């Protein structure tokens, strides 16, 4: 794997990056704002949370919205001819034959994106290995999003006495939807159970309420993002599906004992 470029750009409202031919593969993650990404003359409207692929050889251009800044992180890379690593060959083939360039609502890719940028500029011991690991993670997440149907199928178990698969399905659903507004009612409807039954089974199997588990997972994810130091509390609360900062802060304090601002001050400075 060859890394050619990595970084983050913030384009002022209305700013344009003129058409240019891609001399390497590039993945861009839209951090905030909105705009248009062009690929071979076709325009794609992008917004926060989207991922855009600009493969080697295409003509690419970018235009920020006329009303707000467009901020995005990116990596430019190419593949070596190491045929001993099967996943490289799969990914290389995917990028060489891609026909869809935009994937929406891929908020989960933000963390490895910021981690690889952080490793690149810190230049810490074994940083190259860490960078390689994060890049592979980004590529595989991108590959999955573009080549596999993202709407996961959560099968309910017809035998309600078998609680293991049911609880596992709940956990999979929550992991896949951390950046959405999820609730016990929404999970129950998706999996085909009543709220009461699912809450009872989850509590019986795990020892904690389903609602508390959702909060725990969202707070844990927010802490991962806090440590990157690239997003505000309001931005993170919105990304995690909270209606406002206040509701996120209350949930955070309920679990950790401190408000998000206090946690950042104590542990992330």
C-alpha atoms as a PDB file:
ATOM      1  CA  UNK A   1       0.000   0.000   0.000  1.00  0.00           C
ATOM      2  CA  UNK A   2       1.387   3.408  -0.993  1.00  0.00           C
ATOM      3  CA  UNK A   3       0.196   6.561   0.800  1.00  0.00           C
ATOM      4  CA  UNK A   4       0.592   9.676  -1.363  1.00  0.00           C
ATOM      5  CA  UNK A   5      -1.339  12.341   0.482  1.00  0.00           C
ATOM      6  CA  UNK A   6      -3.370  12.811   3.622  1.00  0.00           C
ATOM      7  CA  UNK A   7      -4.959  15.772   5.343  1.00  0.00           C
ATOM      8  CA  UNK A   8      -8.010  17.918   5.913  1.00  0.00           C
ATOM      9  CA  UNK A   9      -9.308  20.920   3.950  1.00  0.00           C
ATOM     10  CA  UNK A  10     -11.806  23.614   4.796  1.00  0.00           C
ATOM     11  CA  UNK A  11     -13.203  25.448   1.758  1.00  0.00           C
ATOM     12  CA  UNK A  12     -14.946  28.783   2.245  1.00  0.00           C
ATOM     13  CA  UNK A  13     -18.525  29.086   1.016  1.00  0.00           C
ATOM     14  CA  UNK A  14     -18.561  29.138  -2.775  1.00  0.00           C
ATOM     15  CA  UNK A  15     -14.908  28.140  -3.150  1.00  0.00           C
ATOM     16  CA  UNK A  16     -14.061  25.863  -6.082  1.00  0.00           C
ATOM     17  CA  UNK A  17     -11.240  23.399  -6.640  1.00  0.00           C
ATOM     18  CA  UNK A  18     -10.816  23.319 -10.410  1.00  0.00           C
ATOM     19  CA  UNK A  19     -11.027  20.072 -12.404  1.00  0.00           C
ATOM     20  CA  UNK A  20      -7.917  17.911 -12.216  1.00  0.00           C
ATOM     21  CA  UNK A  21      -7.027  14.365 -13.142  1.00  0.00           C
ATOM     22  CA  UNK A  22      -6.574  11.963 -10.256  1.00  0.00           C
ATOM     23  CA  UNK A  23      -3.048  10.558 -10.193  1.00  0.00           C
ATOM     24  CA  UNK A  24      -3.922   8.221  -7.310  1.00  0.00           C
ATOM     25  CA  UNK A  25      -7.015   6.789  -5.635  1.00  0.00           C
ATOM     26  CA  UNK A  26      -8.616   9.155  -3.153  1.00  0.00           C
ATOM     27  CA  UNK A  27     -11.238   8.776  -0.437  1.00  0.00           C
ATOM     28  CA  UNK A  28     -12.815  11.910   1.036  1.00  0.00           C
ATOM     29  CA  UNK A  29     -14.924  12.059   4.194  1.00  0.00           C
ATOM     30  CA  UNK A  30     -17.207  15.101   4.555  1.00  0.00           C
ATOM     31  CA  UNK A  31     -16.686  16.383   8.091  1.00  0.00           C
ATOM     32  CA  UNK A  32     -19.121  19.300   7.958  1.00  0.00           C
ATOM     33  CA  UNK A  33     -20.960  21.566   5.563  1.00  0.00           C
ATOM     34  CA  UNK A  34     -22.112  20.670   2.071  1.00  0.00           C
ATOM     35  CA  UNK A  35     -21.141  21.093  -1.530  1.00  0.00           C
ATOM     36  CA  UNK A  36     -20.629  19.307  -4.825  1.00  0.00           C
ATOM     37  CA  UNK A  37     -18.019  16.724  -5.786  1.00  0.00           C
ATOM     38  CA  UNK A  38     -17.559  16.143  -9.516  1.00  0.00           C
ATOM     39  CA  UNK A  39     -16.348  12.954 -11.159  1.00  0.00           C
ATOM     40  CA  UNK A  40     -15.849  12.953 -14.940  1.00  0.00           C
ATOM     41  CA  UNK A  41     -18.288  15.839 -15.250  1.00  0.00           C
ATOM     42  CA  UNK A  42     -21.081  14.275 -13.183  1.00  0.00           C
ATOM     43  CA  UNK A  43     -21.979  16.163 -10.027  1.00  0.00           C
ATOM     44  CA  UNK A  44     -22.741  14.600  -6.653  1.00  0.00           C
ATOM     45  CA  UNK A  45     -24.240  16.604  -3.800  1.00  0.00           C
ATOM     46  CA  UNK A  46     -22.343  15.834  -0.585  1.00  0.00           C
ATOM     47  CA  UNK A  47     -23.038  16.634   3.047  1.00  0.00           C
ATOM     48  CA  UNK A  48     -21.682  15.865   6.504  1.00  0.00           C
ATOM     49  CA  UNK A  49     -21.078  12.137   7.008  1.00  0.00           C
ATOM     50  CA  UNK A  50     -20.788  11.251   3.325  1.00  0.00           C
ATOM     51  CA  UNK A  51     -17.833   9.457   1.730  1.00  0.00           C
ATOM     52  CA  UNK A  52     -16.718  10.080  -1.845  1.00  0.00           C
ATOM     53  CA  UNK A  53     -14.330   7.973  -3.922  1.00  0.00           C
ATOM     54  CA  UNK A  54     -12.206   9.546  -6.666  1.00  0.00           C
ATOM     55  CA  UNK A  55     -10.453   6.638  -8.401  1.00  0.00           C
ATOM     56  CA  UNK A  56      -7.156   6.831 -10.232  1.00  0.00           C
ATOM     57  CA  UNK A  57      -7.525   8.447 -13.662  1.00  0.00           C
ATOM     58  CA  UNK A  58     -10.894  10.214 -13.275  1.00  0.00           C
ATOM     59  CA  UNK A  59     -11.328  13.979 -13.624  1.00  0.00           C
ATOM     60  CA  UNK A  60     -12.269  15.397 -10.227  1.00  0.00           C
ATOM     61  CA  UNK A  61     -13.447  18.810  -8.989  1.00  0.00           C
ATOM     62  CA  UNK A  62     -15.010  20.218  -5.821  1.00  0.00           C
ATOM     63  CA  UNK A  63     -17.285  23.173  -5.069  1.00  0.00           C
ATOM     64  CA  UNK A  64     -18.349  24.288  -1.605  1.00  0.00           C
ATOM     65  CA  UNK A  65     -21.933  25.347  -0.974  1.00  0.00           C
ATOM     66  CA  UNK A  66     -22.650  29.027  -1.498  1.00  0.00           C
ATOM     67  CA  UNK A  67     -23.923  29.375   2.072  1.00  0.00           C
ATOM     68  CA  UNK A  68     -21.500  27.412   4.275  1.00  0.00           C
ATOM     69  CA  UNK A  69     -17.965  26.085   4.527  1.00  0.00           C
ATOM     70  CA  UNK A  70     -17.157  22.622   3.246  1.00  0.00           C
ATOM     71  CA  UNK A  71     -14.734  20.689   5.438  1.00  0.00           C
ATOM     72  CA  UNK A  72     -13.425  17.277   4.477  1.00  0.00           C
ATOM     73  CA  UNK A  73     -10.636  14.845   5.309  1.00  0.00           C
ATOM     74  CA  UNK A  74      -8.937  12.832   2.589  1.00  0.00           C
ATOM     75  CA  UNK A  75      -6.355  10.166   1.850  1.00  0.00           C
ATOM     76  CA  UNK A  76      -4.655   9.551  -1.490  1.00  0.00           C
ATOM     77  CA  UNK A  77      -3.180   6.103  -2.057  1.00  0.00           C
ATOM     78  CA  UNK A  78      -2.345   3.353  -4.518  1.00  0.00           C
ATOM     79  CA  UNK A  79      -1.831  -0.377  -4.334  1.00  0.00           C
ATOM     80  CA  UNK A  80       1.424  -2.274  -4.639  1.00  0.00           C
ATOM     81  CA  UNK A  81       1.700  -5.555  -6.523  1.00  0.00           C
ATOM     82  CA  UNK A  82       1.900  -7.641  -3.368  1.00  0.00           C
ATOM     83  CA  UNK A  83      -0.156 -10.640  -4.461  1.00  0.00           C
ATOM     84  CA  UNK A  84       0.498 -12.437  -1.185  1.00  0.00           C
ATOM     85  CA  UNK A  85      -2.045 -10.266   0.628  1.00  0.00           C
ATOM     86  CA  UNK A  86      -5.452 -11.339  -0.664  1.00  0.00           C
ATOM     87  CA  UNK A  87      -7.377  -8.396   0.793  1.00  0.00           C
ATOM     88  CA  UNK A  88      -5.165  -5.965  -1.186  1.00  0.00           C
ATOM     89  CA  UNK A  89      -6.128  -7.678  -4.427  1.00  0.00           C
ATOM     90  CA  UNK A  90      -9.817  -7.549  -3.533  1.00  0.00           C
ATOM     91  CA  UNK A  91      -9.628  -3.860  -2.668  1.00  0.00           C
ATOM     92  CA  UNK A  92      -7.530  -3.048  -5.749  1.00  0.00           C
ATOM     93  CA  UNK A  93     -10.091  -4.732  -8.002  1.00  0.00           C
ATOM     94  CA  UNK A  94     -12.896  -2.846  -6.276  1.00  0.00           C
ATOM     95  CA  UNK A  95     -11.301   0.557  -6.863  1.00  0.00           C
ATOM     96  CA  UNK A  96     -10.397  -0.268 -10.456  1.00  0.00           C
ATOM     97  CA  UNK A  97     -13.973  -1.247 -11.322  1.00  0.00           C
ATOM     98  CA  UNK A  98     -16.059   1.097  -9.189  1.00  0.00           C
ATOM     99  CA  UNK A  99     -19.064   2.731 -10.840  1.00  0.00           C
ATOM    100  CA  UNK A 100     -20.724   4.361  -7.797  1.00  0.00           C
ATOM    101  CA  UNK A 101     -18.690   7.117  -6.175  1.00  0.00           C
ATOM    102  CA  UNK A 102     -20.815   8.375  -3.272  1.00  0.00           C
ATOM    103  CA  UNK A 103     -21.919   6.646  -0.047  1.00  0.00           C
ATOM    104  CA  UNK A 104     -24.165   8.530   2.365  1.00  0.00           C
ATOM    105  CA  UNK A 105     -24.250   8.588   6.162  1.00  0.00           C
ATOM    106  CA  UNK A 106     -20.913   6.885   6.881  1.00  0.00           C
ATOM    107  CA  UNK A 107     -20.280   8.724  10.149  1.00  0.00           C
ATOM    108  CA  UNK A 108     -18.525   5.673  11.609  1.00  0.00           C
ATOM    109  CA  UNK A 109     -15.543   6.170   9.295  1.00  0.00           C
ATOM    110  CA  UNK A 110     -14.726   9.518  10.926  1.00  0.00           C
ATOM    111  CA  UNK A 111     -12.760   7.985  13.824  1.00  0.00           C
ATOM    112  CA  UNK A 112     -10.175   6.015  11.767  1.00  0.00           C
ATOM    113  CA  UNK A 113      -9.865   9.013   9.425  1.00  0.00           C
ATOM    114  CA  UNK A 114      -8.878  11.333  12.254  1.00  0.00           C
ATOM    115  CA  UNK A 115      -6.677   8.717  13.879  1.00  0.00           C
ATOM    116  CA  UNK A 116      -4.622   8.195  10.724  1.00  0.00           C
ATOM    117  CA  UNK A 117      -4.215  11.956  10.273  1.00  0.00           C
ATOM    118  CA  UNK A 118      -3.151  12.272  13.918  1.00  0.00           C
ATOM    119  CA  UNK A 119      -0.579   9.466  13.559  1.00  0.00           C
ATOM    120  CA  UNK A 120       0.773  10.995  10.364  1.00  0.00           C
ATOM    121  CA  UNK A 121       1.521  14.352  11.974  1.00  0.00           C
ATOM    122  CA  UNK A 122       2.626  13.071  15.399  1.00  0.00           C
ATOM    123  CA  UNK A 123       5.309  10.849  13.856  1.00  0.00           C
ATOM    124  CA  UNK A 124       5.360   8.625  16.945  1.00  0.00           C
ATOM    125  CA  UNK A 125       7.222   5.357  17.338  1.00  0.00           C
ATOM    126  CA  UNK A 126       5.764   2.640  15.079  1.00  0.00           C
ATOM    127  CA  UNK A 127       3.621   5.320  13.498  1.00  0.00           C
ATOM    128  CA  UNK A 128       3.975   3.836  10.019  1.00  0.00           C
ATOM    129  CA  UNK A 129       2.443   0.560  11.168  1.00  0.00           C
ATOM    130  CA  UNK A 130      -0.411   2.405  12.857  1.00  0.00           C
ATOM    131  CA  UNK A 131      -1.018   4.461   9.725  1.00  0.00           C
ATOM    132  CA  UNK A 132      -1.087   1.359   7.569  1.00  0.00           C
ATOM    133  CA  UNK A 133      -3.564  -0.285   9.928  1.00  0.00           C
ATOM    134  CA  UNK A 134      -5.932   2.698   9.927  1.00  0.00           C
ATOM    135  CA  UNK A 135      -5.762   3.027   6.138  1.00  0.00           C
ATOM    136  CA  UNK A 136      -6.674  -0.637   5.705  1.00  0.00           C
ATOM    137  CA  UNK A 137      -9.555  -0.096   8.136  1.00  0.00           C
ATOM    138  CA  UNK A 138     -10.783   2.877   6.090  1.00  0.00           C
ATOM    139  CA  UNK A 139     -10.493   0.951   2.832  1.00  0.00           C
ATOM    140  CA  UNK A 140     -12.367  -2.074   4.150  1.00  0.00           C
ATOM    141  CA  UNK A 141     -15.127   0.086   5.667  1.00  0.00           C
ATOM    142  CA  UNK A 142     -15.436   1.897   2.339  1.00  0.00           C
ATOM    143  CA  UNK A 143     -15.447  -1.358   0.404  1.00  0.00           C
ATOM    144  CA  UNK A 144     -18.203  -2.756   2.617  1.00  0.00           C
ATOM    145  CA  UNK A 145     -20.311   0.385   2.296  1.00  0.00           C
ATOM    146  CA  UNK A 146     -20.101   0.476  -1.486  1.00  0.00           C
ATOM    147  CA  UNK A 147     -20.203  -3.219  -2.320  1.00  0.00           C
ATOM    148  CA  UNK A 148     -22.485  -4.668   0.351  1.00  0.00           C
ATOM    149  CA  UNK A 149     -26.052  -3.619   1.031  1.00  0.00           C
ATOM    150  CA  UNK A 150     -25.745  -1.343   4.056  1.00  0.00           C
ATOM    151  CA  UNK A 151     -29.208  -2.037   5.425  1.00  0.00           C
ATOM    152  CA  UNK A 152     -28.255  -4.999   7.579  1.00  0.00           C
ATOM    153  CA  UNK A 153     -30.750  -7.778   8.027  1.00  0.00           C
ATOM    154  CA  UNK A 154     -31.577  -8.447  11.659  1.00  0.00           C
ATOM    155  CA  UNK A 155     -33.380 -11.752  11.908  1.00  0.00           C
ATOM    156  CA  UNK A 156     -35.586 -12.316  14.910  1.00  0.00           C
ATOM    157  CA  UNK A 157     -35.646 -15.766  16.436  1.00  0.00           C
ATOM    158  CA  UNK A 158     -39.051 -17.441  16.196  1.00  0.00           C
ATOM    159  CA  UNK A 159     -38.278 -19.402  19.359  1.00  0.00           C
ATOM    160  CA  UNK A 160     -38.428 -16.687  22.010  1.00  0.00           C
ATOM    161  CA  UNK A 161     -36.859 -18.997  24.599  1.00  0.00           C
ATOM    162  CA  UNK A 162     -33.509 -18.692  22.783  1.00  0.00           C
ATOM    163  CA  UNK A 163     -32.404 -15.287  24.031  1.00  0.00           C
ATOM    164  CA  UNK A 164     -28.729 -15.326  22.953  1.00  0.00           C
ATOM    165  CA  UNK A 165     -29.248 -14.622  19.236  1.00  0.00           C
ATOM    166  CA  UNK A 166     -31.882 -12.010  20.059  1.00  0.00           C
ATOM    167  CA  UNK A 167     -29.587 -10.007  22.334  1.00  0.00           C
ATOM    168  CA  UNK A 168     -26.740 -10.325  19.842  1.00  0.00           C
ATOM    169  CA  UNK A 169     -29.022  -8.975  17.095  1.00  0.00           C
ATOM    170  CA  UNK A 170     -29.870  -6.010  19.330  1.00  0.00           C
ATOM    171  CA  UNK A 171     -26.195  -5.274  19.935  1.00  0.00           C
ATOM    172  CA  UNK A 172     -25.423  -5.511  16.199  1.00  0.00           C
ATOM    173  CA  UNK A 173     -28.251  -3.125  15.419  1.00  0.00           C
ATOM    174  CA  UNK A 174     -27.041  -0.580  17.983  1.00  0.00           C
ATOM    175  CA  UNK A 175     -23.441  -0.753  16.744  1.00  0.00           C
ATOM    176  CA  UNK A 176     -24.588  -0.173  13.179  1.00  0.00           C
ATOM    177  CA  UNK A 177     -26.849   2.757  14.118  1.00  0.00           C
ATOM    178  CA  UNK A 178     -24.885   4.641  16.770  1.00  0.00           C
ATOM    179  CA  UNK A 179     -24.956   7.774  14.638  1.00  0.00           C
ATOM    180  CA  UNK A 180     -28.746   7.667  14.300  1.00  0.00           C
ATOM    181  CA  UNK A 181     -31.569   8.497  16.665  1.00  0.00           C
ATOM    182  CA  UNK A 182     -32.232   5.022  18.041  1.00  0.00           C
ATOM    183  CA  UNK A 183     -34.654   4.028  20.782  1.00  0.00           C
ATOM    184  CA  UNK A 184     -36.036   0.870  22.396  1.00  0.00           C
ATOM    185  CA  UNK A 185     -39.221   1.303  20.366  1.00  0.00           C
ATOM    186  CA  UNK A 186     -37.344   1.637  17.071  1.00  0.00           C
ATOM    187  CA  UNK A 187     -35.131  -1.396  17.774  1.00  0.00           C
ATOM    188  CA  UNK A 188     -38.158  -3.488  18.811  1.00  0.00           C
ATOM    189  CA  UNK A 189     -40.008  -2.589  15.626  1.00  0.00           C
ATOM    190  CA  UNK A 190     -36.956  -3.349  13.454  1.00  0.00           C
ATOM    191  CA  UNK A 191     -36.401  -6.747  15.045  1.00  0.00           C
ATOM    192  CA  UNK A 192     -40.064  -7.699  15.252  1.00  0.00           C
ATOM    193  CA  UNK A 193     -40.528  -7.824  19.034  1.00  0.00           C
ATOM    194  CA  UNK A 194     -42.639  -5.928  21.527  1.00  0.00           C
ATOM    195  CA  UNK A 195     -40.873  -3.241  23.577  1.00  0.00           C
ATOM    196  CA  UNK A 196     -41.700  -5.048  26.810  1.00  0.00           C
ATOM    197  CA  UNK A 197     -40.389  -8.421  25.677  1.00  0.00           C
ATOM    198  CA  UNK A 198     -37.168  -7.104  24.186  1.00  0.00           C
ATOM    199  CA  UNK A 199     -36.406  -4.959  27.243  1.00  0.00           C
ATOM    200  CA  UNK A 200     -37.048  -7.928  29.532  1.00  0.00           C
ATOM    201  CA  UNK A 201     -34.857 -10.324  27.518  1.00  0.00           C
ATOM    202  CA  UNK A 202     -32.002  -7.817  27.275  1.00  0.00           C
ATOM    203  CA  UNK A 203     -32.049  -7.066  31.000  1.00  0.00           C
ATOM    204  CA  UNK A 204     -32.238 -10.754  31.875  1.00  0.00           C
ATOM    205  CA  UNK A 205     -29.289 -11.634  29.629  1.00  0.00           C
ATOM    206  CA  UNK A 206     -26.957  -8.663  30.220  1.00  0.00           C
ATOM    207  CA  UNK A 207     -27.896  -7.375  33.659  1.00  0.00           C
ATOM    208  CA  UNK A 208     -28.570  -3.853  32.407  1.00  0.00           C
ATOM    209  CA  UNK A 209     -31.459  -2.097  30.733  1.00  0.00           C
ATOM    210  CA  UNK A 210     -31.517  -1.711  26.973  1.00  0.00           C
ATOM    211  CA  UNK A 211     -31.853   2.062  27.259  1.00  0.00           C
ATOM    212  CA  UNK A 212     -28.778   2.247  29.492  1.00  0.00           C
ATOM    213  CA  UNK A 213     -26.815   0.108  27.022  1.00  0.00           C
ATOM    214  CA  UNK A 214     -27.684   2.507  24.186  1.00  0.00           C
ATOM    215  CA  UNK A 215     -26.473   5.456  26.276  1.00  0.00           C
ATOM    216  CA  UNK A 216     -23.311   3.568  27.227  1.00  0.00           C
ATOM    217  CA  UNK A 217     -22.426   2.838  23.588  1.00  0.00           C
ATOM    218  CA  UNK A 218     -23.113   6.410  22.444  1.00  0.00           C
ATOM    219  CA  UNK A 219     -21.113   7.929  25.297  1.00  0.00           C
ATOM    220  CA  UNK A 220     -18.243   5.526  24.626  1.00  0.00           C
ATOM    221  CA  UNK A 221     -18.226   6.581  20.965  1.00  0.00           C
ATOM    222  CA  UNK A 222     -18.325  10.263  21.924  1.00  0.00           C
ATOM    223  CA  UNK A 223     -15.269   9.786  24.141  1.00  0.00           C
ATOM    224  CA  UNK A 224     -13.391   8.235  21.209  1.00  0.00           C
ATOM    225  CA  UNK A 225     -14.203  11.335  19.163  1.00  0.00           C
ATOM    226  CA  UNK A 226     -13.348  13.739  22.012  1.00  0.00           C
ATOM    227  CA  UNK A 227      -9.848  12.277  22.154  1.00  0.00           C
ATOM    228  CA  UNK A 228      -9.315  13.178  18.513  1.00  0.00           C
ATOM    229  CA  UNK A 229      -9.851  16.841  19.362  1.00  0.00           C
ATOM    230  CA  UNK A 230     -11.466  17.739  16.036  1.00  0.00           C
ATOM    231  CA  UNK A 231     -15.186  18.177  16.836  1.00  0.00           C
ATOM    232  CA  UNK A 232     -17.213  20.363  19.174  1.00  0.00           C
ATOM    233  CA  UNK A 233     -19.622  18.967  21.758  1.00  0.00           C
ATOM    234  CA  UNK A 234     -22.591  20.259  19.780  1.00  0.00           C
ATOM    235  CA  UNK A 235     -21.291  18.650  16.590  1.00  0.00           C
ATOM    236  CA  UNK A 236     -20.778  15.297  18.295  1.00  0.00           C
ATOM    237  CA  UNK A 237     -24.188  15.349  19.989  1.00  0.00           C
ATOM    238  CA  UNK A 238     -25.840  16.020  16.624  1.00  0.00           C
ATOM    239  CA  UNK A 239     -23.854  13.257  14.940  1.00  0.00           C
ATOM    240  CA  UNK A 240     -24.926  10.774  17.615  1.00  0.00           C
ATOM    241  CA  UNK A 241     -28.581  11.549  17.009  1.00  0.00           C
ATOM    242  CA  UNK A 242     -29.370  13.660  20.075  1.00  0.00           C
ATOM    243  CA  UNK A 243     -32.007  16.354  19.689  1.00  0.00           C
ATOM    244  CA  UNK A 244     -29.820  18.941  21.416  1.00  0.00           C
ATOM    245  CA  UNK A 245     -26.632  19.393  23.425  1.00  0.00           C
ATOM    246  CA  UNK A 246     -28.525  19.437  26.703  1.00  0.00           C
ATOM    247  CA  UNK A 247     -29.970  15.940  26.280  1.00  0.00           C
ATOM    248  CA  UNK A 248     -26.550  14.598  25.260  1.00  0.00           C
ATOM    249  CA  UNK A 249     -24.875  16.278  28.234  1.00  0.00           C
ATOM    250  CA  UNK A 250     -27.422  14.817  30.657  1.00  0.00           C
ATOM    251  CA  UNK A 251     -26.892  11.321  29.253  1.00  0.00           C
ATOM    252  CA  UNK A 252     -23.108  11.758  29.396  1.00  0.00           C
ATOM    253  CA  UNK A 253     -23.179  12.936  33.020  1.00  0.00           C
ATOM    254  CA  UNK A 254     -25.563  10.136  34.027  1.00  0.00           C
ATOM    255  CA  UNK A 255     -23.015   7.579  32.875  1.00  0.00           C
ATOM    256  CA  UNK A 256     -19.675   9.236  33.687  1.00  0.00           C
ATOM    257  CA  UNK A 257     -20.528  11.545  36.565  1.00  0.00           C
ATOM    258  CA  UNK A 258     -19.258  14.630  34.731  1.00  0.00           C
ATOM    259  CA  UNK A 259     -20.459  16.804  31.868  1.00  0.00           C
ATOM    260  CA  UNK A 260     -18.758  16.482  28.447  1.00  0.00           C
ATOM    261  CA  UNK A 261     -16.936  19.807  28.851  1.00  0.00           C
ATOM    262  CA  UNK A 262     -15.544  18.668  32.212  1.00  0.00           C
ATOM    263  CA  UNK A 263     -14.424  15.338  30.753  1.00  0.00           C
ATOM    264  CA  UNK A 264     -12.614  17.054  27.887  1.00  0.00           C
ATOM    265  CA  UNK A 265     -10.891  19.436  30.294  1.00  0.00           C
ATOM    266  CA  UNK A 266      -9.746  16.615  32.582  1.00  0.00           C
ATOM    267  CA  UNK A 267      -8.789  13.897  30.124  1.00  0.00           C
ATOM    268  CA  UNK A 268      -8.449  15.270  26.592  1.00  0.00           C
ATOM    269  CA  UNK A 269      -6.215  18.342  26.961  1.00  0.00           C
END
